Amino acid sequence: MTDKKSKSNKPTDTVQKPYEVLEVRTSYGMTLNLGNYESFRADAGVTVKMNRPLQEGDDAELLKDEMYDYAWKTVKAELKEQVKAIRDNSKKQEE
């Protein structure tokens, strides 16, 4: 009787991945209730690209995480600014 070992197609950390993440894209949206049956939808998105190819010794996962972190911060900051402007404008119209 032979021992059968199960083979898994699940990738491991030791398997070299056939791709490099050189670009990440994020988007964020928010809908505001302005009252009087009115609403405003604000969306912002950004694509962040590596400014150079990956090099030997680069931590690809860390670079990808840094790009996503930068992208999310950028999108959220822009959206906060746009939402504030809409709310301020809405308040002025009510006066």
PDB file of N, CA and C in Angstrom:
ATOM      1  N   MET A   1       0.846  -1.178   0.000  1.00  0.00           N
ATOM      2  CA  MET A   1       0.000   0.000   0.000  1.00  0.00           C
ATOM      3  C   MET A   1       0.894   1.244   0.000  1.00  0.00           C
ATOM      4  N   THR A   2       0.576   2.181  -0.863  1.00  0.00           N
ATOM      5  CA  THR A   2       1.380   3.397  -0.937  1.00  0.00           C
ATOM      6  C   THR A   2       0.690   4.510  -0.178  1.00  0.00           C
ATOM      7  N   ASP A   3       1.504   5.364   0.347  1.00  0.00           N
ATOM      8  CA  ASP A   3       1.000   6.522   1.084  1.00  0.00           C
ATOM      9  C   ASP A   3       0.683   7.636   0.086  1.00  0.00           C
ATOM     10  N   LYS A   4      -0.543   8.093   0.064  1.00  0.00           N
ATOM     11  CA  LYS A   4      -0.903   9.203  -0.829  1.00  0.00           C
ATOM     12  C   LYS A   4      -0.883  10.489  -0.029  1.00  0.00           C
ATOM     13  N   LYS A   5      -0.129  11.421  -0.519  1.00  0.00           N
ATOM     14  CA  LYS A   5      -0.074  12.738   0.125  1.00  0.00           C
ATOM     15  C   LYS A   5      -0.944  13.693  -0.682  1.00  0.00           C
ATOM     16  N   SER A   6      -1.738  14.480   0.003  1.00  0.00           N
ATOM     17  CA  SER A   6      -2.589  15.434  -0.714  1.00  0.00           C
ATOM     18  C   SER A   6      -1.746  16.585  -1.222  1.00  0.00           C
ATOM     19  N   LYS A   7      -2.005  16.948  -2.444  1.00  0.00           N
ATOM     20  CA  LYS A   7      -1.303  18.080  -3.045  1.00  0.00           C
ATOM     21  C   LYS A   7      -2.248  19.264  -3.063  1.00  0.00           C
ATOM     22  N   SER A   8      -1.707  20.400  -2.729  1.00  0.00           N
ATOM     23  CA  SER A   8      -2.513  21.610  -2.704  1.00  0.00           C
ATOM     24  C   SER A   8      -2.009  22.577  -3.759  1.00  0.00           C
ATOM     25  N   ASN A   9      -2.925  23.220  -4.445  1.00  0.00           N
ATOM     26  CA  ASN A   9      -2.560  24.254  -5.413  1.00  0.00           C
ATOM     27  C   ASN A   9      -2.480  25.617  -4.764  1.00  0.00           C
ATOM     28  N   LYS A  10      -2.630  25.656  -3.462  1.00  0.00           N
ATOM     29  CA  LYS A  10      -2.601  26.914  -2.731  1.00  0.00           C
ATOM     30  C   LYS A  10      -1.191  27.502  -2.756  1.00  0.00           C
ATOM     31  N   PRO A  11      -1.052  28.791  -3.184  1.00  0.00           N
ATOM     32  CA  PRO A  11       0.293  29.377  -3.225  1.00  0.00           C
ATOM     33  C   PRO A  11       0.847  29.564  -1.814  1.00  0.00           C
ATOM     34  N   THR A  12       2.127  29.449  -1.714  1.00  0.00           N
ATOM     35  CA  THR A  12       2.802  29.666  -0.435  1.00  0.00           C
ATOM     36  C   THR A  12       3.707  30.866  -0.553  1.00  0.00           C
ATOM     37  N   ASP A  13       4.247  31.301   0.569  1.00  0.00           N
ATOM     38  CA  ASP A  13       5.137  32.453   0.562  1.00  0.00           C
ATOM     39  C   ASP A  13       6.431  32.176  -0.190  1.00  0.00           C
ATOM     40  N   THR A  14       6.780  30.922  -0.341  1.00  0.00           N
ATOM     41  CA  THR A  14       8.031  30.588  -1.014  1.00  0.00           C
ATOM     42  C   THR A  14       7.881  30.547  -2.525  1.00  0.00           C
ATOM     43  N   VAL A  15       6.639  30.554  -3.025  1.00  0.00           N
ATOM     44  CA  VAL A  15       6.399  30.538  -4.466  1.00  0.00           C
ATOM     45  C   VAL A  15       6.492  31.958  -4.998  1.00  0.00           C
ATOM     46  N   GLN A  16       7.279  32.127  -6.036  1.00  0.00           N
ATOM     47  CA  GLN A  16       7.415  33.461  -6.624  1.00  0.00           C
ATOM     48  C   GLN A  16       6.146  33.791  -7.400  1.00  0.00           C
ATOM     49  N   LYS A  17       5.595  34.942  -7.150  1.00  0.00           N
ATOM     50  CA  LYS A  17       4.356  35.348  -7.802  1.00  0.00           C
ATOM     51  C   LYS A  17       4.651  35.814  -9.233  1.00  0.00           C
ATOM     52  N   PRO A  18       3.750  35.526 -10.168  1.00  0.00           N
ATOM     53  CA  PRO A  18       3.993  35.875 -11.566  1.00  0.00           C
ATOM     54  C   PRO A  18       3.622  37.322 -11.902  1.00  0.00           C
ATOM     55  N   TYR A  19       3.448  38.160 -10.911  1.00  0.00           N
ATOM     56  CA  TYR A  19       3.047  39.540 -11.166  1.00  0.00           C
ATOM     57  C   TYR A  19       3.712  40.476 -10.167  1.00  0.00           C
ATOM     58  N   GLU A  20       3.702  41.751 -10.516  1.00  0.00           N
ATOM     59  CA  GLU A  20       4.182  42.805  -9.621  1.00  0.00           C
ATOM     60  C   GLU A  20       3.095  43.860  -9.536  1.00  0.00           C
ATOM     61  N   VAL A  21       2.825  44.347  -8.354  1.00  0.00           N
ATOM     62  CA  VAL A  21       1.852  45.426  -8.198  1.00  0.00           C
ATOM     63  C   VAL A  21       2.606  46.740  -8.355  1.00  0.00           C
ATOM     64  N   LEU A  22       2.385  47.386  -9.481  1.00  0.00           N
ATOM     65  CA  LEU A  22       3.049  48.653  -9.767  1.00  0.00           C
ATOM     66  C   LEU A  22       2.068  49.812  -9.730  1.00  0.00           C
ATOM     67  N   GLU A  23       0.790  49.508  -9.511  1.00  0.00           N
ATOM     68  CA  GLU A  23      -0.250  50.521  -9.526  1.00  0.00           C
ATOM     69  C   GLU A  23      -1.393  50.052  -8.643  1.00  0.00           C
ATOM     70  N   VAL A  24      -1.953  50.982  -7.850  1.00  0.00           N
ATOM     71  CA  VAL A  24      -3.147  50.680  -7.069  1.00  0.00           C
ATOM     72  C   VAL A  24      -4.175  51.764  -7.329  1.00  0.00           C
ATOM     73  N   ARG A  25      -5.433  51.397  -7.227  1.00  0.00           N
ATOM     74  CA  ARG A  25      -6.517  52.343  -7.477  1.00  0.00           C
ATOM     75  C   ARG A  25      -7.506  52.246  -6.326  1.00  0.00           C
ATOM     76  N   THR A  26      -7.920  53.383  -5.815  1.00  0.00           N
ATOM     77  CA  THR A  26      -8.930  53.406  -4.765  1.00  0.00           C
ATOM     78  C   THR A  26      -9.989  54.437  -5.118  1.00  0.00           C
ATOM     79  N   SER A  27     -11.173  54.222  -4.591  1.00  0.00           N
ATOM     80  CA  SER A  27     -12.231  55.223  -4.726  1.00  0.00           C
ATOM     81  C   SER A  27     -13.075  55.173  -3.468  1.00  0.00           C
ATOM     82  N   TYR A  28     -13.724  56.284  -3.204  1.00  0.00           N
ATOM     83  CA  TYR A  28     -14.493  56.427  -1.979  1.00  0.00           C
ATOM     84  C   TYR A  28     -15.673  57.318  -2.291  1.00  0.00           C
ATOM     85  N   GLY A  29     -16.830  57.005  -1.761  1.00  0.00           N
ATOM     86  CA  GLY A  29     -18.007  57.811  -2.026  1.00  0.00           C
ATOM     87  C   GLY A  29     -18.835  58.013  -0.784  1.00  0.00           C
ATOM     88  N   MET A  30     -19.641  59.060  -0.827  1.00  0.00           N
ATOM     89  CA  MET A  30     -20.489  59.404   0.304  1.00  0.00           C
ATOM     90  C   MET A  30     -21.737  60.110  -0.219  1.00  0.00           C
ATOM     91  N   THR A  31     -22.889  59.761   0.340  1.00  0.00           N
ATOM     92  CA  THR A  31     -24.134  60.441   0.002  1.00  0.00           C
ATOM     93  C   THR A  31     -24.599  61.239   1.208  1.00  0.00           C
ATOM     94  N   LEU A  32     -24.873  62.517   0.992  1.00  0.00           N
ATOM     95  CA  LEU A  32     -25.315  63.401   2.070  1.00  0.00           C
ATOM     96  C   LEU A  32     -26.786  63.732   1.910  1.00  0.00           C
ATOM     97  N   ASN A  33     -27.512  63.684   3.010  1.00  0.00           N
ATOM     98  CA  ASN A  33     -28.899  64.107   3.024  1.00  0.00           C
ATOM     99  C   ASN A  33     -28.895  65.605   3.313  1.00  0.00           C
ATOM    100  N   LEU A  34     -29.387  66.397   2.352  1.00  0.00           N
ATOM    101  CA  LEU A  34     -29.401  67.850   2.513  1.00  0.00           C
ATOM    102  C   LEU A  34     -30.734  68.360   3.052  1.00  0.00           C
ATOM    103  N   GLY A  35     -31.657  67.454   3.323  1.00  0.00           N
ATOM    104  CA  GLY A  35     -32.976  67.876   3.782  1.00  0.00           C
ATOM    105  C   GLY A  35     -33.858  68.228   2.606  1.00  0.00           C
ATOM    106  N   ASN A  36     -35.126  68.464   2.869  1.00  0.00           N
ATOM    107  CA  ASN A  36     -36.095  68.820   1.817  1.00  0.00           C
ATOM    108  C   ASN A  36     -36.042  67.850   0.639  1.00  0.00           C
ATOM    109  N   TYR A  37     -35.844  66.560   0.929  1.00  0.00           N
ATOM    110  CA  TYR A  37     -35.816  65.515  -0.088  1.00  0.00           C
ATOM    111  C   TYR A  37     -34.692  65.703  -1.103  1.00  0.00           C
ATOM    112  N   GLU A  38     -33.628  66.346  -0.681  1.00  0.00           N
ATOM    113  CA  GLU A  38     -32.471  66.544  -1.552  1.00  0.00           C
ATOM    114  C   GLU A  38     -31.279  65.794  -0.972  1.00  0.00           C
ATOM    115  N   SER A  39     -30.463  65.291  -1.865  1.00  0.00           N
ATOM    116  CA  SER A  39     -29.238  64.626  -1.436  1.00  0.00           C
ATOM    117  C   SER A  39     -28.123  64.976  -2.410  1.00  0.00           C
ATOM    118  N   PHE A  40     -26.915  64.733  -1.975  1.00  0.00           N
ATOM    119  CA  PHE A  40     -25.734  65.007  -2.791  1.00  0.00           C
ATOM    120  C   PHE A  40     -24.811  63.808  -2.690  1.00  0.00           C
ATOM    121  N   ARG A  41     -24.336  63.329  -3.813  1.00  0.00           N
ATOM    122  CA  ARG A  41     -23.403  62.200  -3.853  1.00  0.00           C
ATOM    123  C   ARG A  41     -22.034  62.726  -4.273  1.00  0.00           C
ATOM    124  N   ALA A  42     -21.038  62.466  -3.436  1.00  0.00           N
ATOM    125  CA  ALA A  42     -19.664  62.862  -3.736  1.00  0.00           C
ATOM    126  C   ALA A  42     -18.814  61.604  -3.873  1.00  0.00           C
ATOM    127  N   ASP A  43     -18.034  61.535  -4.930  1.00  0.00           N
ATOM    128  CA  ASP A  43     -17.124  60.418  -5.166  1.00  0.00           C
ATOM    129  C   ASP A  43     -15.756  60.978  -5.509  1.00  0.00           C
ATOM    130  N   ALA A  44     -14.736  60.301  -5.046  1.00  0.00           N
ATOM    131  CA  ALA A  44     -13.365  60.687  -5.390  1.00  0.00           C
ATOM    132  C   ALA A  44     -12.572  59.399  -5.604  1.00  0.00           C
ATOM    133  N   GLY A  45     -11.653  59.436  -6.518  1.00  0.00           N
ATOM    134  CA  GLY A  45     -10.821  58.275  -6.788  1.00  0.00           C
ATOM    135  C   GLY A  45      -9.417  58.715  -7.174  1.00  0.00           C
ATOM    136  N   VAL A  46      -8.473  57.824  -6.984  1.00  0.00           N
ATOM    137  CA  VAL A  46      -7.092  58.135  -7.328  1.00  0.00           C
ATOM    138  C   VAL A  46      -6.379  56.838  -7.716  1.00  0.00           C
ATOM    139  N   THR A  47      -5.459  56.959  -8.651  1.00  0.00           N
ATOM    140  CA  THR A  47      -4.587  55.856  -9.030  1.00  0.00           C
ATOM    141  C   THR A  47      -3.170  56.249  -8.652  1.00  0.00           C
ATOM    142  N   VAL A  48      -2.495  55.381  -7.917  1.00  0.00           N
ATOM    143  CA  VAL A  48      -1.124  55.636  -7.493  1.00  0.00           C
ATOM    144  C   VAL A  48      -0.233  54.622  -8.207  1.00  0.00           C
ATOM    145  N   LYS A  49       0.796  55.130  -8.896  1.00  0.00           N
ATOM    146  CA  LYS A  49       1.715  54.264  -9.628  1.00  0.00           C
ATOM    147  C   LYS A  49       3.094  54.327  -8.998  1.00  0.00           C
ATOM    148  N   MET A  50       3.795  53.220  -9.087  1.00  0.00           N
ATOM    149  CA  MET A  50       5.197  53.202  -8.656  1.00  0.00           C
ATOM    150  C   MET A  50       5.970  54.128  -9.586  1.00  0.00           C
ATOM    151  N   ASN A  51       6.902  54.863  -9.032  1.00  0.00           N
ATOM    152  CA  ASN A  51       7.684  55.765  -9.870  1.00  0.00           C
ATOM    153  C   ASN A  51       8.945  55.088 -10.404  1.00  0.00           C
ATOM    154  N   ARG A  52       9.061  53.797 -10.136  1.00  0.00           N
ATOM    155  CA  ARG A  52      10.187  53.019 -10.646  1.00  0.00           C
ATOM    156  C   ARG A  52       9.798  51.542 -10.617  1.00  0.00           C
ATOM    157  N   PRO A  53      10.470  50.712 -11.413  1.00  0.00           N
ATOM    158  CA  PRO A  53      10.180  49.275 -11.344  1.00  0.00           C
ATOM    159  C   PRO A  53      10.662  48.683 -10.019  1.00  0.00           C
ATOM    160  N   LEU A  54      10.057  47.573  -9.626  1.00  0.00           N
ATOM    161  CA  LEU A  54      10.543  46.875  -8.435  1.00  0.00           C
ATOM    162  C   LEU A  54      11.975  46.419  -8.671  1.00  0.00           C
ATOM    163  N   GLN A  55      12.757  46.501  -7.629  1.00  0.00           N
ATOM    164  CA  GLN A  55      14.165  46.113  -7.723  1.00  0.00           C
ATOM    165  C   GLN A  55      14.455  44.983  -6.750  1.00  0.00           C
ATOM    166  N   GLU A  56      15.544  44.304  -6.980  1.00  0.00           N
ATOM    167  CA  GLU A  56      15.990  43.235  -6.086  1.00  0.00           C
ATOM    168  C   GLU A  56      16.067  43.777  -4.666  1.00  0.00           C
ATOM    169  N   GLY A  57      15.477  43.075  -3.737  1.00  0.00           N
ATOM    170  CA  GLY A  57      15.517  43.489  -2.338  1.00  0.00           C
ATOM    171  C   GLY A  57      14.330  44.329  -1.902  1.00  0.00           C
ATOM    172  N   ASP A  58      13.510  44.798  -2.848  1.00  0.00           N
ATOM    173  CA  ASP A  58      12.312  45.557  -2.480  1.00  0.00           C
ATOM    174  C   ASP A  58      11.321  44.642  -1.787  1.00  0.00           C
ATOM    175  N   ASP A  59      10.644  45.156  -0.804  1.00  0.00           N
ATOM    176  CA  ASP A  59       9.550  44.427  -0.159  1.00  0.00           C
ATOM    177  C   ASP A  59       8.271  44.839  -0.887  1.00  0.00           C
ATOM    178  N   ALA A  60       7.852  44.032  -1.845  1.00  0.00           N
ATOM    179  CA  ALA A  60       6.712  44.367  -2.704  1.00  0.00           C
ATOM    180  C   ALA A  60       5.435  44.564  -1.901  1.00  0.00           C
ATOM    181  N   GLU A  61       5.195  43.732  -0.898  1.00  0.00           N
ATOM    182  CA  GLU A  61       3.987  43.861  -0.084  1.00  0.00           C
ATOM    183  C   GLU A  61       3.990  45.169   0.698  1.00  0.00           C
ATOM    184  N   LEU A  62       5.130  45.542   1.239  1.00  0.00           N
ATOM    185  CA  LEU A  62       5.231  46.798   1.978  1.00  0.00           C
ATOM    186  C   LEU A  62       5.000  47.986   1.052  1.00  0.00           C
ATOM    187  N   LEU A  63       5.592  47.955  -0.139  1.00  0.00           N
ATOM    188  CA  LEU A  63       5.394  49.049  -1.098  1.00  0.00           C
ATOM    189  C   LEU A  63       3.931  49.146  -1.514  1.00  0.00           C
ATOM    190  N   LYS A  64       3.283  48.005  -1.741  1.00  0.00           N
ATOM    191  CA  LYS A  64       1.864  48.007  -2.100  1.00  0.00           C
ATOM    192  C   LYS A  64       1.029  48.602  -0.971  1.00  0.00           C
ATOM    193  N   ASP A  65       1.322  48.189   0.264  1.00  0.00           N
ATOM    194  CA  ASP A  65       0.597  48.733   1.417  1.00  0.00           C
ATOM    195  C   ASP A  65       0.799  50.234   1.547  1.00  0.00           C
ATOM    196  N   GLU A  66       2.015  50.708   1.300  1.00  0.00           N
ATOM    197  CA  GLU A  66       2.292  52.152   1.364  1.00  0.00           C
ATOM    198  C   GLU A  66       1.535  52.908   0.276  1.00  0.00           C
ATOM    199  N   MET A  67       1.452  52.316  -0.922  1.00  0.00           N
ATOM    200  CA  MET A  67       0.712  52.975  -2.008  1.00  0.00           C
ATOM    201  C   MET A  67      -0.773  53.050  -1.673  1.00  0.00           C
ATOM    202  N   TYR A  68      -1.340  51.957  -1.127  1.00  0.00           N
ATOM    203  CA  TYR A  68      -2.753  51.989  -0.739  1.00  0.00           C
ATOM    204  C   TYR A  68      -2.992  53.000   0.378  1.00  0.00           C
ATOM    205  N   ASP A  69      -2.100  53.048   1.351  1.00  0.00           N
ATOM    206  CA  ASP A  69      -2.245  53.999   2.450  1.00  0.00           C
ATOM    207  C   ASP A  69      -2.252  55.433   1.922  1.00  0.00           C
ATOM    208  N   TYR A  70      -1.319  55.743   1.043  1.00  0.00           N
ATOM    209  CA  TYR A  70      -1.257  57.078   0.439  1.00  0.00           C
ATOM    210  C   TYR A  70      -2.527  57.367  -0.371  1.00  0.00           C
ATOM    211  N   ALA A  71      -2.970  56.376  -1.156  1.00  0.00           N
ATOM    212  CA  ALA A  71      -4.161  56.568  -1.990  1.00  0.00           C
ATOM    213  C   ALA A  71      -5.395  56.834  -1.131  1.00  0.00           C
ATOM    214  N   TRP A  72      -5.611  56.029  -0.075  1.00  0.00           N
ATOM    215  CA  TRP A  72      -6.784  56.225   0.784  1.00  0.00           C
ATOM    216  C   TRP A  72      -6.747  57.583   1.467  1.00  0.00           C
ATOM    217  N   LYS A  73      -5.589  57.975   1.975  1.00  0.00           N
ATOM    218  CA  LYS A  73      -5.487  59.285   2.639  1.00  0.00           C
ATOM    219  C   LYS A  73      -5.799  60.412   1.660  1.00  0.00           C
ATOM    220  N   THR A  74      -5.305  60.302   0.447  1.00  0.00           N
ATOM    221  CA  THR A  74      -5.539  61.336  -0.570  1.00  0.00           C
ATOM    222  C   THR A  74      -7.017  61.432  -0.923  1.00  0.00           C
ATOM    223  N   VAL A  75      -7.661  60.298  -1.165  1.00  0.00           N
ATOM    224  CA  VAL A  75      -9.082  60.277  -1.547  1.00  0.00           C
ATOM    225  C   VAL A  75      -9.949  60.799  -0.411  1.00  0.00           C
ATOM    226  N   LYS A  76      -9.704  60.346   0.803  1.00  0.00           N
ATOM    227  CA  LYS A  76     -10.524  60.781   1.938  1.00  0.00           C
ATOM    228  C   LYS A  76     -10.355  62.281   2.201  1.00  0.00           C
ATOM    229  N   ALA A  77      -9.145  62.796   2.078  1.00  0.00           N
ATOM    230  CA  ALA A  77      -8.922  64.229   2.289  1.00  0.00           C
ATOM    231  C   ALA A  77      -9.673  65.052   1.242  1.00  0.00           C
ATOM    232  N   GLU A  78      -9.623  64.625  -0.012  1.00  0.00           N
ATOM    233  CA  GLU A  78     -10.334  65.338  -1.079  1.00  0.00           C
ATOM    234  C   GLU A  78     -11.835  65.285  -0.851  1.00  0.00           C
ATOM    235  N   LEU A  79     -12.334  64.135  -0.479  1.00  0.00           N
ATOM    236  CA  LEU A  79     -13.774  63.993  -0.260  1.00  0.00           C
ATOM    237  C   LEU A  79     -14.235  64.830   0.926  1.00  0.00           C
ATOM    238  N   LYS A  80     -13.460  64.852   2.000  1.00  0.00           N
ATOM    239  CA  LYS A  80     -13.815  65.692   3.161  1.00  0.00           C
ATOM    240  C   LYS A  80     -13.914  67.154   2.754  1.00  0.00           C
ATOM    241  N   GLU A  81     -12.973  67.606   1.932  1.00  0.00           N
ATOM    242  CA  GLU A  81     -12.968  69.000   1.476  1.00  0.00           C
ATOM    243  C   GLU A  81     -14.211  69.299   0.641  1.00  0.00           C
ATOM    244  N   GLN A  82     -14.563  68.386  -0.268  1.00  0.00           N
ATOM    245  CA  GLN A  82     -15.731  68.593  -1.123  1.00  0.00           C
ATOM    246  C   GLN A  82     -17.030  68.567  -0.308  1.00  0.00           C
ATOM    247  N   VAL A  83     -17.132  67.636   0.638  1.00  0.00           N
ATOM    248  CA  VAL A  83     -18.329  67.537   1.476  1.00  0.00           C
ATOM    249  C   VAL A  83     -18.483  68.784   2.327  1.00  0.00           C
ATOM    250  N   LYS A  84     -17.386  69.283   2.887  1.00  0.00           N
ATOM    251  CA  LYS A  84     -17.436  70.512   3.691  1.00  0.00           C
ATOM    252  C   LYS A  84     -17.940  71.682   2.847  1.00  0.00           C
ATOM    253  N   ALA A  85     -17.446  71.796   1.622  1.00  0.00           N
ATOM    254  CA  ALA A  85     -17.876  72.879   0.740  1.00  0.00           C
ATOM    255  C   ALA A  85     -19.370  72.783   0.431  1.00  0.00           C
ATOM    256  N   ILE A  86     -19.864  71.583   0.199  1.00  0.00           N
ATOM    257  CA  ILE A  86     -21.293  71.390  -0.085  1.00  0.00           C
ATOM    258  C   ILE A  86     -22.133  71.740   1.138  1.00  0.00           C
ATOM    259  N   ARG A  87     -21.714  71.276   2.309  1.00  0.00           N
ATOM    260  CA  ARG A  87     -22.462  71.578   3.540  1.00  0.00           C
ATOM    261  C   ARG A  87     -22.476  73.079   3.810  1.00  0.00           C
ATOM    262  N   ASP A  88     -21.327  73.728   3.643  1.00  0.00           N
ATOM    263  CA  ASP A  88     -21.258  75.179   3.854  1.00  0.00           C
ATOM    264  C   ASP A  88     -22.174  75.911   2.878  1.00  0.00           C
ATOM    265  N   ASN A  89     -22.173  75.479   1.627  1.00  0.00           N
ATOM    266  CA  ASN A  89     -23.013  76.100   0.603  1.00  0.00           C
ATOM    267  C   ASN A  89     -24.490  75.862   0.902  1.00  0.00           C
ATOM    268  N   SER A  90     -24.820  74.681   1.388  1.00  0.00           N
ATOM    269  CA  SER A  90     -26.200  74.343   1.732  1.00  0.00           C
ATOM    270  C   SER A  90     -26.690  75.215   2.885  1.00  0.00           C
ATOM    271  N   LYS A  91     -25.835  75.433   3.882  1.00  0.00           N
ATOM    272  CA  LYS A  91     -26.207  76.275   5.028  1.00  0.00           C
ATOM    273  C   LYS A  91     -26.435  77.716   4.589  1.00  0.00           C
ATOM    274  N   LYS A  92     -25.601  78.217   3.675  1.00  0.00           N
ATOM    275  CA  LYS A  92     -25.748  79.598   3.189  1.00  0.00           C
ATOM    276  C   LYS A  92     -27.080  79.776   2.461  1.00  0.00           C
ATOM    277  N   GLN A  93     -27.491  78.741   1.725  1.00  0.00           N
ATOM    278  CA  GLN A  93     -28.743  78.828   0.984  1.00  0.00           C
ATOM    279  C   GLN A  93     -29.953  78.824   1.907  1.00  0.00           C
ATOM    280  N   GLU A  94     -29.802  78.199   3.086  1.00  0.00           N
ATOM    281  CA  GLU A  94     -30.909  78.145   4.045  1.00  0.00           C
ATOM    282  C   GLU A  94     -31.115  79.495   4.726  1.00  0.00           C
ATOM    283  N   GLU A  95     -30.090  80.316   4.786  1.00  0.00           N
ATOM    284  CA  GLU A  95     -30.187  81.603   5.514  1.00  0.00           C
ATOM    285  C   GLU A  95     -30.948  82.641   4.746  1.00  0.00           C
TER     286      GLU A  95
END
